[in-house]
Every structure is written in structure tokens, then in C-alpha cells.
C-alpha atoms as a PDB file:
ATOM      1  CA  MET A   1     187.936-205.076  32.662  1.00  0.00           C
ATOM      2  CA  GLU A   2     189.140-202.765  35.571  1.00  0.00           C
ATOM      3  CA  LYS A   3     191.813-200.582  33.190  1.00  0.00           C
ATOM      4  CA  LYS A   4     189.288-200.203  30.769  1.00  0.00           C
ATOM      5  CA  ASN A   5     187.364-198.348  33.392  1.00  0.00           C
ATOM      6  CA  TRP A   6     189.493-196.162  34.737  1.00  0.00           C
ATOM      7  CA  LYS A   7     190.174-195.461  31.345  1.00  0.00           C
ATOM      8  CA  PHE A   8     186.494-195.161  30.602  1.00  0.00           C
ATOM      9  CA  LYS A   9     185.572-192.740  32.855  1.00  0.00           C
ATOM     10  CA  LEU A  10     189.069-191.169  32.215  1.00  0.00           C
ATOM     11  CA  GLY A  11     187.404-189.398  28.532  1.00  0.00           C
ATOM     12  CA  ILE A  12     184.023-189.512  30.469  1.00  0.00           C
ATOM     13  CA  MET A  13     185.712-187.094  32.835  1.00  0.00           C
ATOM     14  CA  LEU A  14     187.822-184.936  29.374  1.00  0.00           C
ATOM     15  CA  ILE A  15     184.310-184.796  27.214  1.00  0.00           C
ATOM     16  CA  ILE A  16     182.724-182.769  30.703  1.00  0.00           C
ATOM     17  CA  ILE A  17     185.595-180.568  31.049  1.00  0.00           C
ATOM     18  CA  SER A  18     185.882-179.743  26.894  1.00  0.00           C
ATOM     19  CA  THR A  19     182.113-179.145  27.674  1.00  0.00           C
ATOM     20  CA  LEU A  20     183.010-176.990  30.612  1.00  0.00           C
ATOM     21  CA  PHE A  21     185.497-174.585  28.691  1.00  0.00           C
ATOM     22  CA  PHE A  22     182.954-174.462  25.382  1.00  0.00           C
ATOM     23  CA  ALA A  23     180.528-172.925  27.731  1.00  0.00           C
ATOM     24  CA  LEU A  24     183.518-170.563  29.423  1.00  0.00           C
ATOM     25  CA  LEU A  25     182.922-168.930  25.639  1.00  0.00           C
ATOM     26  CA  LEU A  26     179.728-167.903  26.967  1.00  0.00           C
ATOM     27  CA  ALA A  27     181.688-165.370  29.198  1.00  0.00           C
ATOM     28  CA  LEU A  28     183.765-163.946  27.552  1.00  0.00           C
ATOM     29  CA  PRO A  29     182.744-161.190  25.891  1.00  0.00           C
ATOM     30  CA  PHE A  30     181.676-159.615  29.558  1.00  0.00           C
ATOM     31  CA  LEU A  31     185.782-159.581  30.306  1.00  0.00           C
ATOM     32  CA  ASP A  32     187.105-156.656  30.777  1.00  0.00           C
ATOM     33  CA  THR A  33     189.955-156.254  28.376  1.00  0.00           C
ATOM     34  CA  SER A  34     190.696-155.027  24.848  1.00  0.00           C
ATOM     35  CA  ASP A  35     188.720-156.722  21.996  1.00  0.00           C
ATOM     36  CA  LYS A  36     191.906-157.799  21.024  1.00  0.00           C
ATOM     37  CA  ASN A  37     193.009-160.602  24.110  1.00  0.00           C
ATOM     38  CA  LYS A  38     189.097-161.048  23.812  1.00  0.00           C
ATOM     39  CA  ILE A  39     190.179-162.424  20.568  1.00  0.00           C
ATOM     40  CA  ILE A  40     193.364-165.619  21.882  1.00  0.00           C
ATOM     41  CA  ILE A  41     191.188-166.184  24.969  1.00  0.00           C
ATOM     42  CA  SER A  42     188.794-167.228  22.462  1.00  0.00           C
ATOM     43  CA  THR A  43     190.934-168.660  20.301  1.00  0.00           C
ATOM     44  CA  VAL A  44     192.729-170.388  23.565  1.00  0.00           C
ATOM     45  CA  ILE A  45     189.508-171.908  24.547  1.00  0.00           C
ATOM     46  CA  ILE A  46     188.094-173.591  21.478  1.00  0.00           C
ATOM     47  CA  VAL A  47     191.794-174.994  20.738  1.00  0.00           C
ATOM     48  CA  ILE A  48     192.130-176.897  24.241  1.00  0.00           C
ATOM     49  CA  GLY A  49     188.255-178.776  24.919  1.00  0.00           C
ATOM     50  CA  GLU A  50     188.762-179.861  21.046  1.00  0.00           C
ATOM     51  CA  LEU A  51     191.555-181.298  22.328  1.00  0.00           C
ATOM     52  CA  LEU A  52     189.614-182.337  25.604  1.00  0.00           C
ATOM     53  CA  PHE A  53     186.907-184.036  23.622  1.00  0.00           C
ATOM     54  CA  TRP A  54     188.696-186.280  21.301  1.00  0.00           C
ATOM     55  CA  SER A  55     191.239-186.863  23.995  1.00  0.00           C
ATOM     56  CA  GLY A  56     187.716-188.371  25.982  1.00  0.00           C
ATOM     57  CA  SER A  57     186.506-189.850  22.789  1.00  0.00           C
ATOM     58  CA  PHE A  58     189.097-191.681  21.815  1.00  0.00           C
ATOM     59  CA  PHE A  59     188.889-193.653  25.626  1.00  0.00           C
ATOM     60  CA  VAL A  60     185.322-194.015  25.627  1.00  0.00           C
ATOM     61  CA  GLY A  61     185.039-195.152  22.804  1.00  0.00           C
ATOM     62  CA  ARG A  62     183.614-194.528  18.812  1.00  0.00           C
ATOM     63  CA  GLN A  63     180.271-196.543  19.841  1.00  0.00           C
ATOM     64  CA  LEU A  64     179.837-193.376  22.139  1.00  0.00           C
ATOM     65  CA  VAL A  65     180.285-190.926  20.443  1.00  0.00           C
ATOM     66  CA  ASP A  66     178.138-192.029  17.449  1.00  0.00           C
ATOM     67  CA  LYS A  67     175.297-192.126  19.141  1.00  0.00           C
ATOM     68  CA  TYR A  68     175.059-188.487  20.651  1.00  0.00           C
ATOM     69  CA  LYS A  69     176.793-187.232  17.728  1.00  0.00           C
ATOM     70  CA  ALA A  70     173.928-188.890  15.873  1.00  0.00           C
ATOM     71  CA  TYR A  71     171.366-187.777  19.482  1.00  0.00           C
ATOM     72  CA  LEU A  72     172.592-184.294  19.007  1.00  0.00           C
ATOM     73  CA  ASN A  73     171.741-184.147  15.187  1.00  0.00           C
ATOM     74  CA  PRO A  74     168.816-181.588  14.638  1.00  0.00           C
ATOM     75  CA  LYS A  75     168.105-183.340  11.454  1.00  0.00           C
ATOM     76  CA  LYS A  76     166.186-185.368  13.965  1.00  0.00           C
ATOM     77  CA  TRP A  77     164.974-183.703  16.754  1.00  0.00           C
ATOM     78  CA  PHE A  78     161.448-183.255  14.940  1.00  0.00           C
ATOM     79  CA  THR A  79     161.368-187.120  13.742  1.00  0.00           C
ATOM     80  CA  ARG A  80     159.649-189.123  15.178  1.00  0.00           C
ATOM     81  CA  LYS A  81     160.706-191.986  15.485  1.00  0.00           C
ATOM     82  CA  ASN A  82     158.696-195.339  15.591  1.00  0.00           C
ATOM     83  CA  ARG A  83     158.517-197.838  17.960  1.00  0.00           C
END
């Protein structure tokens, strides 16, 4: 039980860190650097963010990832839930 808890916490932390990497993309246009460097930096940020997200989802488990993917699906944002 303790190992599962440790792996779950690690997975959540990796997903949170990946979200922070993707948030860095919002600050990228404001950097004082050339366009070529911005393209390189954005590519590196996206690759690292994806690697962190998928490694975190490996530790968290498929059920939780599927739950949040369904929650973030724009097709379901304005539909009513049957109670």
C-alpha cells in the first residue's frame, strides 16, 4: 500500500510540473531573444512537458487519466448531466 501511495504522489507531481512547463509557453513571446531561439525553446518546453505528463500518467494510472481527459473534452462542456 505504501509503495502505491508513493508512486501515485510522484505521478501527480510530474503532471503538475508538466503543466508548469506548458504555462512557460505563455511567457515565451515576452523574452528578449531571437525568433530562432524562441522556436528552439518552445520545442524543448513542449517535448519536456509531454515527457513529464506521460511519465506522470504512467505512475498515476489509466483510470485517473481517462477521467480527466473526459473532463477536459470540450464536447462535454455544455451538455447537461442526467441525475
